[in-house]
Amino acid sequence: VCELLSYYYPMPVIRLGVNDTFGQSGKWDELL
């Protein structure tokens, strides 16, 4: 999305996900 909008319609994009780290062991809902 950032690559697309930066070219055609520049605007702020906030990315939510895993922030450049490995995962870890735990219950799936607790990890979410």
PDB file of all heavy atoms in Angstrom:
ATOM      1  N   VAL A   1       0.832  -1.208   0.000  1.00  0.00           N
ATOM      2  CA  VAL A   1       0.000   0.000   0.000  1.00  0.00           C
ATOM      3  C   VAL A   1       0.864   1.254   0.000  1.00  0.00           C
ATOM      4  O   VAL A   1       0.592   2.222  -0.723  1.00  0.00           O
ATOM      5  CB  VAL A   1      -0.959  -0.014   1.205  1.00  0.00           C
ATOM      6  CG1 VAL A   1      -1.683   1.322   1.344  1.00  0.00           C
ATOM      7  CG2 VAL A   1      -1.970  -1.152   1.071  1.00  0.00           C
ATOM      8  N   CYS A   2       1.929   1.246   0.801  1.00  0.00           N
ATOM      9  CA  CYS A   2       2.838   2.399   0.835  1.00  0.00           C
ATOM     10  C   CYS A   2       3.476   2.647  -0.523  1.00  0.00           C
ATOM     11  O   CYS A   2       3.586   3.803  -0.974  1.00  0.00           O
ATOM     12  CB  CYS A   2       3.928   2.168   1.884  1.00  0.00           C
ATOM     13  SG  CYS A   2       3.372   2.344   3.593  1.00  0.00           S
ATOM     14  N   GLU A   3       3.915   1.597  -1.174  1.00  0.00           N
ATOM     15  CA  GLU A   3       4.551   1.732  -2.485  1.00  0.00           C
ATOM     16  C   GLU A   3       3.567   2.325  -3.498  1.00  0.00           C
ATOM     17  O   GLU A   3       3.934   3.181  -4.315  1.00  0.00           O
ATOM     18  CB  GLU A   3       5.039   0.364  -2.961  1.00  0.00           C
ATOM     19  CG  GLU A   3       6.215  -0.179  -2.150  1.00  0.00           C
ATOM     20  CD  GLU A   3       6.399  -1.678  -2.309  1.00  0.00           C
ATOM     21  OE1 GLU A   3       5.763  -2.266  -3.208  1.00  0.00           O
ATOM     22  OE2 GLU A   3       7.165  -2.270  -1.527  1.00  0.00           O
ATOM     23  N   LEU A   4       2.331   1.876  -3.428  1.00  0.00           N
ATOM     24  CA  LEU A   4       1.309   2.366  -4.351  1.00  0.00           C
ATOM     25  C   LEU A   4       0.992   3.842  -4.109  1.00  0.00           C
ATOM     26  O   LEU A   4       1.046   4.672  -5.026  1.00  0.00           O
ATOM     27  CB  LEU A   4       0.038   1.529  -4.197  1.00  0.00           C
ATOM     28  CG  LEU A   4      -1.197   2.020  -4.942  1.00  0.00           C
ATOM     29  CD1 LEU A   4      -1.011   1.859  -6.448  1.00  0.00           C
ATOM     30  CD2 LEU A   4      -2.443   1.285  -4.464  1.00  0.00           C
ATOM     31  N   LEU A   5       0.658   4.181  -2.854  1.00  0.00           N
ATOM     32  CA  LEU A   5       0.213   5.536  -2.555  1.00  0.00           C
ATOM     33  C   LEU A   5       1.343   6.553  -2.651  1.00  0.00           C
ATOM     34  O   LEU A   5       1.099   7.721  -2.986  1.00  0.00           O
ATOM     35  CB  LEU A   5      -0.428   5.584  -1.171  1.00  0.00           C
ATOM     36  CG  LEU A   5      -1.741   4.797  -1.026  1.00  0.00           C
ATOM     37  CD1 LEU A   5      -2.255   4.884   0.408  1.00  0.00           C
ATOM     38  CD2 LEU A   5      -2.799   5.310  -2.000  1.00  0.00           C
ATOM     39  N   SER A   6       2.560   6.157  -2.350  1.00  0.00           N
ATOM     40  CA  SER A   6       3.678   7.108  -2.427  1.00  0.00           C
ATOM     41  C   SER A   6       3.859   7.637  -3.844  1.00  0.00           C
ATOM     42  O   SER A   6       4.311   8.768  -4.043  1.00  0.00           O
ATOM     43  CB  SER A   6       4.978   6.454  -1.947  1.00  0.00           C
ATOM     44  OG  SER A   6       5.397   5.432  -2.835  1.00  0.00           O
ATOM     45  N   TYR A   7       3.466   6.843  -4.814  1.00  0.00           N
ATOM     46  CA  TYR A   7       3.617   7.254  -6.219  1.00  0.00           C
ATOM     47  C   TYR A   7       2.379   7.981  -6.743  1.00  0.00           C
ATOM     48  O   TYR A   7       2.485   9.026  -7.395  1.00  0.00           O
ATOM     49  CB  TYR A   7       3.911   6.035  -7.095  1.00  0.00           C
ATOM     50  CG  TYR A   7       4.243   6.371  -8.528  1.00  0.00           C
ATOM     51  CD1 TYR A   7       5.554   6.691  -8.893  1.00  0.00           C
ATOM     52  CD2 TYR A   7       3.267   6.381  -9.522  1.00  0.00           C
ATOM     53  CE1 TYR A   7       5.872   7.003 -10.208  1.00  0.00           C
ATOM     54  CE2 TYR A   7       3.569   6.698 -10.832  1.00  0.00           C
ATOM     55  CZ  TYR A   7       4.874   7.015 -11.176  1.00  0.00           C
ATOM     56  OH  TYR A   7       5.187   7.339 -12.476  1.00  0.00           O
ATOM     57  N   TYR A   8       1.193   7.442  -6.443  1.00  0.00           N
ATOM     58  CA  TYR A   8      -0.029   7.953  -7.060  1.00  0.00           C
ATOM     59  C   TYR A   8      -0.800   8.946  -6.193  1.00  0.00           C
ATOM     60  O   TYR A   8      -1.496   9.812  -6.723  1.00  0.00           O
ATOM     61  CB  TYR A   8      -0.953   6.784  -7.420  1.00  0.00           C
ATOM     62  CG  TYR A   8      -0.435   5.947  -8.548  1.00  0.00           C
ATOM     63  CD1 TYR A   8       0.171   4.722  -8.300  1.00  0.00           C
ATOM     64  CD2 TYR A   8      -0.539   6.373  -9.867  1.00  0.00           C
ATOM     65  CE1 TYR A   8       0.661   3.942  -9.342  1.00  0.00           C
ATOM     66  CE2 TYR A   8      -0.061   5.600 -10.915  1.00  0.00           C
ATOM     67  CZ  TYR A   8       0.548   4.386 -10.643  1.00  0.00           C
ATOM     68  OH  TYR A   8       1.029   3.628 -11.675  1.00  0.00           O
ATOM     69  N   TYR A   9      -0.701   8.816  -4.860  1.00  0.00           N
ATOM     70  CA  TYR A   9      -1.469   9.711  -4.003  1.00  0.00           C
ATOM     71  C   TYR A   9      -0.795   9.759  -2.626  1.00  0.00           C
ATOM     72  O   TYR A   9      -1.272   9.125  -1.671  1.00  0.00           O
ATOM     73  CB  TYR A   9      -2.919   9.232  -3.873  1.00  0.00           C
ATOM     74  CG  TYR A   9      -3.846  10.256  -3.263  1.00  0.00           C
ATOM     75  CD1 TYR A   9      -4.295  11.348  -4.006  1.00  0.00           C
ATOM     76  CD2 TYR A   9      -4.258  10.149  -1.939  1.00  0.00           C
ATOM     77  CE1 TYR A   9      -5.138  12.292  -3.460  1.00  0.00           C
ATOM     78  CE2 TYR A   9      -5.109  11.087  -1.377  1.00  0.00           C
ATOM     79  CZ  TYR A   9      -5.540  12.165  -2.138  1.00  0.00           C
ATOM     80  OH  TYR A   9      -6.382  13.102  -1.581  1.00  0.00           O
ATOM     81  N   PRO A  10       0.315  10.501  -2.507  1.00  0.00           N
ATOM     82  CA  PRO A  10       1.066  10.515  -1.244  1.00  0.00           C
ATOM     83  C   PRO A  10       0.212  10.969  -0.062  1.00  0.00           C
ATOM     84  O   PRO A  10      -0.442  12.013  -0.117  1.00  0.00           O
ATOM     85  CB  PRO A  10       2.188  11.518  -1.536  1.00  0.00           C
ATOM     86  CG  PRO A  10       2.361  11.490  -3.019  1.00  0.00           C
ATOM     87  CD  PRO A  10       0.972  11.297  -3.557  1.00  0.00           C
ATOM     88  N   MET A  11       0.207  10.159   0.985  1.00  0.00           N
ATOM     89  CA  MET A  11      -0.549  10.460   2.196  1.00  0.00           C
ATOM     90  C   MET A  11       0.006   9.593   3.328  1.00  0.00           C
ATOM     91  O   MET A  11       0.719   8.624   3.088  1.00  0.00           O
ATOM     92  CB  MET A  11      -2.036  10.188   1.990  1.00  0.00           C
ATOM     93  CG  MET A  11      -2.385   8.724   1.813  1.00  0.00           C
ATOM     94  SD  MET A  11      -4.148   8.450   1.445  1.00  0.00           S
ATOM     95  CE  MET A  11      -4.931   9.290   2.805  1.00  0.00           C
ATOM     96  N   PRO A  12      -0.303   9.947   4.588  1.00  0.00           N
ATOM     97  CA  PRO A  12       0.218   9.156   5.708  1.00  0.00           C
ATOM     98  C   PRO A  12      -0.364   7.738   5.720  1.00  0.00           C
ATOM     99  O   PRO A  12      -1.566   7.550   5.523  1.00  0.00           O
ATOM    100  CB  PRO A  12      -0.243   9.934   6.941  1.00  0.00           C
ATOM    101  CG  PRO A  12      -0.527  11.321   6.453  1.00  0.00           C
ATOM    102  CD  PRO A  12      -1.028  11.149   5.061  1.00  0.00           C
ATOM    103  N   VAL A  13       0.509   6.761   5.925  1.00  0.00           N
ATOM    104  CA  VAL A  13       0.102   5.360   6.075  1.00  0.00           C
ATOM    105  C   VAL A  13       0.747   4.810   7.337  1.00  0.00           C
ATOM    106  O   VAL A  13       1.971   4.872   7.497  1.00  0.00           O
ATOM    107  CB  VAL A  13       0.526   4.506   4.862  1.00  0.00           C
ATOM    108  CG1 VAL A  13       0.114   3.041   5.089  1.00  0.00           C
ATOM    109  CG2 VAL A  13      -0.086   5.026   3.570  1.00  0.00           C
ATOM    110  N   ILE A  14      -0.070   4.293   8.241  1.00  0.00           N
ATOM    111  CA  ILE A  14       0.420   3.676   9.474  1.00  0.00           C
ATOM    112  C   ILE A  14       0.277   2.172   9.329  1.00  0.00           C
ATOM    113  O   ILE A  14      -0.822   1.661   9.087  1.00  0.00           O
ATOM    114  CB  ILE A  14      -0.384   4.182  10.694  1.00  0.00           C
ATOM    115  CG1 ILE A  14      -0.173   5.686  10.844  1.00  0.00           C
ATOM    116  CG2 ILE A  14       0.020   3.439  11.965  1.00  0.00           C
ATOM    117  CD1 ILE A  14      -1.165   6.340  11.775  1.00  0.00           C
ATOM    118  N   ARG A  15       1.382   1.455   9.464  1.00  0.00           N
ATOM    119  CA  ARG A  15       1.373   0.003   9.283  1.00  0.00           C
ATOM    120  C   ARG A  15       1.325  -0.694  10.642  1.00  0.00           C
ATOM    121  O   ARG A  15       2.196  -0.488  11.482  1.00  0.00           O
ATOM    122  CB  ARG A  15       2.619  -0.440   8.524  1.00  0.00           C
ATOM    123  CG  ARG A  15       2.687   0.038   7.073  1.00  0.00           C
ATOM    124  CD  ARG A  15       4.060  -0.200   6.476  1.00  0.00           C
ATOM    125  NE  ARG A  15       5.084   0.588   7.174  1.00  0.00           N
ATOM    126  CZ  ARG A  15       6.389   0.295   7.162  1.00  0.00           C
ATOM    127  NH1 ARG A  15       6.822  -0.777   6.528  1.00  0.00           N
ATOM    128  NH2 ARG A  15       7.236   1.061   7.801  1.00  0.00           N
ATOM    129  N   LEU A  16       0.316  -1.529  10.826  1.00  0.00           N
ATOM    130  CA  LEU A  16       0.192  -2.320  12.045  1.00  0.00           C
ATOM    131  C   LEU A  16       0.417  -3.788  11.699  1.00  0.00           C
ATOM    132  O   LEU A  16      -0.217  -4.333  10.790  1.00  0.00           O
ATOM    133  CB  LEU A  16      -1.189  -2.142  12.677  1.00  0.00           C
ATOM    134  CG  LEU A  16      -1.594  -0.713  13.054  1.00  0.00           C
ATOM    135  CD1 LEU A  16      -2.980  -0.712  13.689  1.00  0.00           C
ATOM    136  CD2 LEU A  16      -0.576  -0.079  13.998  1.00  0.00           C
ATOM    137  N   GLY A  17       1.326  -4.393  12.428  1.00  0.00           N
ATOM    138  CA  GLY A  17       1.673  -5.789  12.206  1.00  0.00           C
ATOM    139  C   GLY A  17       2.785  -6.137  13.175  1.00  0.00           C
ATOM    140  O   GLY A  17       2.866  -5.571  14.266  1.00  0.00           O
ATOM    141  N   VAL A  18       3.643  -7.047  12.785  1.00  0.00           N
ATOM    142  CA  VAL A  18       4.798  -7.392  13.612  1.00  0.00           C
ATOM    143  C   VAL A  18       5.948  -6.488  13.196  1.00  0.00           C
ATOM    144  O   VAL A  18       6.332  -6.458  12.031  1.00  0.00           O
ATOM    145  CB  VAL A  18       5.159  -8.879  13.460  1.00  0.00           C
ATOM    146  CG1 VAL A  18       6.369  -9.218  14.314  1.00  0.00           C
ATOM    147  CG2 VAL A  18       3.960  -9.745  13.853  1.00  0.00           C
ATOM    148  N   ASN A  19       6.475  -5.752  14.166  1.00  0.00           N
ATOM    149  CA  ASN A  19       7.400  -4.662  13.873  1.00  0.00           C
ATOM    150  C   ASN A  19       8.854  -5.124  13.826  1.00  0.00           C
ATOM    151  O   ASN A  19       9.628  -4.939  14.763  1.00  0.00           O
ATOM    152  CB  ASN A  19       7.234  -3.542  14.918  1.00  0.00           C
ATOM    153  CG  ASN A  19       7.916  -2.254  14.495  1.00  0.00           C
ATOM    154  OD1 ASN A  19       8.469  -2.169  13.404  1.00  0.00           O
ATOM    155  ND2 ASN A  19       7.879  -1.265  15.355  1.00  0.00           N
ATOM    156  N   ASP A  20       9.231  -5.767  12.704  1.00  0.00           N
ATOM    157  CA  ASP A  20      10.606  -6.168  12.440  1.00  0.00           C
ATOM    158  C   ASP A  20      11.206  -6.981  13.593  1.00  0.00           C
ATOM    159  O   ASP A  20      12.285  -6.668  14.102  1.00  0.00           O
ATOM    160  CB  ASP A  20      11.477  -4.924  12.162  1.00  0.00           C
ATOM    161  CG  ASP A  20      12.839  -5.299  11.566  1.00  0.00           C
ATOM    162  OD1 ASP A  20      12.958  -6.403  11.017  1.00  0.00           O
ATOM    163  OD2 ASP A  20      13.766  -4.471  11.681  1.00  0.00           O
ATOM    164  N   THR A  21      10.483  -8.013  13.981  1.00  0.00           N
ATOM    165  CA  THR A  21      10.988  -8.898  15.027  1.00  0.00           C
ATOM    166  C   THR A  21      10.483 -10.302  14.741  1.00  0.00           C
ATOM    167  O   THR A  21       9.559 -10.498  13.948  1.00  0.00           O
ATOM    168  CB  THR A  21      10.508  -8.436  16.419  1.00  0.00           C
ATOM    169  OG1 THR A  21      11.083  -9.263  17.430  1.00  0.00           O
ATOM    170  CG2 THR A  21       8.987  -8.512  16.530  1.00  0.00           C
ATOM    171  N   PHE A  22      11.095 -11.294  15.376  1.00  0.00           N
ATOM    172  CA  PHE A  22      10.603 -12.656  15.266  1.00  0.00           C
ATOM    173  C   PHE A  22       9.409 -12.839  16.192  1.00  0.00           C
ATOM    174  O   PHE A  22       9.203 -12.070  17.134  1.00  0.00           O
ATOM    175  CB  PHE A  22      11.706 -13.654  15.630  1.00  0.00           C
ATOM    176  CG  PHE A  22      12.793 -13.754  14.603  1.00  0.00           C
ATOM    177  CD1 PHE A  22      14.019 -13.144  14.806  1.00  0.00           C
ATOM    178  CD2 PHE A  22      12.588 -14.466  13.431  1.00  0.00           C
ATOM    179  CE1 PHE A  22      15.024 -13.232  13.866  1.00  0.00           C
ATOM    180  CE2 PHE A  22      13.596 -14.566  12.476  1.00  0.00           C
ATOM    181  CZ  PHE A  22      14.816 -13.943  12.686  1.00  0.00           C
ATOM    182  N   GLY A  23       8.626 -13.870  15.930  1.00  0.00           N
ATOM    183  CA  GLY A  23       7.515 -14.198  16.801  1.00  0.00           C
ATOM    184  C   GLY A  23       8.016 -14.876  18.065  1.00  0.00           C
ATOM    185  O   GLY A  23       9.217 -14.889  18.363  1.00  0.00           O
ATOM    186  N   GLN A  24       7.096 -15.446  18.828  1.00  0.00           N
ATOM    187  CA  GLN A  24       7.448 -16.135  20.061  1.00  0.00           C
ATOM    188  C   GLN A  24       6.374 -17.155  20.387  1.00  0.00           C
ATOM    189  O   GLN A  24       5.284 -17.136  19.818  1.00  0.00           O
ATOM    190  CB  GLN A  24       7.593 -15.142  21.210  1.00  0.00           C
ATOM    191  CG  GLN A  24       6.356 -14.302  21.459  1.00  0.00           C
ATOM    192  CD  GLN A  24       6.585 -13.210  22.475  1.00  0.00           C
ATOM    193  OE1 GLN A  24       7.000 -13.481  23.593  1.00  0.00           O
ATOM    194  NE2 GLN A  24       6.328 -11.975  22.082  1.00  0.00           N
ATOM    195  N   SER A  25       6.678 -18.030  21.314  1.00  0.00           N
ATOM    196  CA  SER A  25       5.735 -19.067  21.696  1.00  0.00           C
ATOM    197  C   SER A  25       4.682 -18.511  22.646  1.00  0.00           C
ATOM    198  O   SER A  25       4.986 -17.714  23.538  1.00  0.00           O
ATOM    199  CB  SER A  25       6.477 -20.226  22.371  1.00  0.00           C
ATOM    200  OG  SER A  25       5.581 -21.251  22.728  1.00  0.00           O
ATOM    201  N   GLY A  26       3.431 -18.934  22.452  1.00  0.00           N
ATOM    202  CA  GLY A  26       2.340 -18.501  23.303  1.00  0.00           C
ATOM    203  C   GLY A  26       1.018 -18.903  22.705  1.00  0.00           C
ATOM    204  O   GLY A  26       0.957 -19.372  21.566  1.00  0.00           O
ATOM    205  N   LYS A  27      -0.051 -18.733  23.443  1.00  0.00           N
ATOM    206  CA  LYS A  27      -1.376 -19.012  22.906  1.00  0.00           C
ATOM    207  C   LYS A  27      -1.684 -18.007  21.805  1.00  0.00           C
ATOM    208  O   LYS A  27      -1.351 -16.830  21.915  1.00  0.00           O
ATOM    209  CB  LYS A  27      -2.419 -18.944  24.009  1.00  0.00           C
ATOM    210  CG  LYS A  27      -2.260 -20.038  25.071  1.00  0.00           C
ATOM    211  CD  LYS A  27      -3.331 -19.938  26.144  1.00  0.00           C
ATOM    212  CE  LYS A  27      -3.164 -21.048  27.175  1.00  0.00           C
ATOM    213  NZ  LYS A  27      -4.192 -20.974  28.245  1.00  0.00           N
ATOM    214  N   TRP A  28      -2.362 -18.491  20.782  1.00  0.00           N
ATOM    215  CA  TRP A  28      -2.559 -17.654  19.594  1.00  0.00           C
ATOM    216  C   TRP A  28      -3.279 -16.348  19.910  1.00  0.00           C
ATOM    217  O   TRP A  28      -2.913 -15.284  19.386  1.00  0.00           O
ATOM    218  CB  TRP A  28      -3.319 -18.430  18.516  1.00  0.00           C
ATOM    219  CG  TRP A  28      -4.761 -18.703  18.831  1.00  0.00           C
ATOM    220  CD1 TRP A  28      -5.272 -19.815  19.426  1.00  0.00           C
ATOM    221  CD2 TRP A  28      -5.871 -17.832  18.589  1.00  0.00           C
ATOM    222  NE1 TRP A  28      -6.632 -19.709  19.569  1.00  0.00           N
ATOM    223  CE2 TRP A  28      -7.034 -18.503  19.062  1.00  0.00           C
ATOM    224  CE3 TRP A  28      -6.011 -16.568  18.015  1.00  0.00           C
ATOM    225  CZ2 TRP A  28      -8.305 -17.937  18.982  1.00  0.00           C
ATOM    226  CZ3 TRP A  28      -7.277 -16.004  17.928  1.00  0.00           C
ATOM    227  CH2 TRP A  28      -8.412 -16.680  18.402  1.00  0.00           C
ATOM    228  N   ASP A  29      -4.295 -16.405  20.788  1.00  0.00           N
ATOM    229  CA  ASP A  29      -5.049 -15.186  21.080  1.00  0.00           C
ATOM    230  C   ASP A  29      -4.234 -14.208  21.917  1.00  0.00           C
ATOM    231  O   ASP A  29      -4.355 -12.982  21.761  1.00  0.00           O
ATOM    232  CB  ASP A  29      -6.365 -15.523  21.766  1.00  0.00           C
ATOM    233  CG  ASP A  29      -6.202 -16.400  22.993  1.00  0.00           C
ATOM    234  OD1 ASP A  29      -5.159 -17.054  23.145  1.00  0.00           O
ATOM    235  OD2 ASP A  29      -7.140 -16.442  23.812  1.00  0.00           O
ATOM    236  N   GLU A  30      -3.369 -14.748  22.769  1.00  0.00           N
ATOM    237  CA  GLU A  30      -2.501 -13.879  23.558  1.00  0.00           C
ATOM    238  C   GLU A  30      -1.453 -13.210  22.678  1.00  0.00           C
ATOM    239  O   GLU A  30      -1.094 -12.048  22.898  1.00  0.00           O
ATOM    240  CB  GLU A  30      -1.829 -14.678  24.672  1.00  0.00           C
ATOM    241  CG  GLU A  30      -2.812 -15.185  25.733  1.00  0.00           C
ATOM    242  CD  GLU A  30      -2.146 -16.053  26.784  1.00  0.00           C
ATOM    243  OE1 GLU A  30      -0.952 -16.400  26.596  1.00  0.00           O
ATOM    244  OE2 GLU A  30      -2.806 -16.394  27.778  1.00  0.00           O
ATOM    245  N   LEU A  31      -0.985 -13.925  21.671  1.00  0.00           N
ATOM    246  CA  LEU A  31      -0.008 -13.340  20.752  1.00  0.00           C
ATOM    247  C   LEU A  31      -0.658 -12.269  19.876  1.00  0.00           C
ATOM    248  O   LEU A  31      -0.057 -11.226  19.602  1.00  0.00           O
ATOM    249  CB  LEU A  31       0.614 -14.434  19.878  1.00  0.00           C
ATOM    250  CG  LEU A  31       1.542 -15.399  20.610  1.00  0.00           C
ATOM    251  CD1 LEU A  31       1.948 -16.553  19.702  1.00  0.00           C
ATOM    252  CD2 LEU A  31       2.790 -14.674  21.123  1.00  0.00           C
ATOM    253  N   LEU A  32      -1.875 -12.525  19.454  1.00  0.00           N
ATOM    254  CA  LEU A  32      -2.589 -11.508  18.672  1.00  0.00           C
ATOM    255  C   LEU A  32      -2.746 -10.232  19.489  1.00  0.00           C
ATOM    256  O   LEU A  32      -2.583  -9.116  18.967  1.00  0.00           O
ATOM    257  CB  LEU A  32      -3.962 -12.055  18.262  1.00  0.00           C
ATOM    258  CG  LEU A  32      -4.553 -11.582  16.928  1.00  0.00           C
ATOM    259  CD1 LEU A  32      -3.642 -11.933  15.765  1.00  0.00           C
ATOM    260  CD2 LEU A  32      -5.928 -12.197  16.714  1.00  0.00           C
TER     261      LEU A  32
END
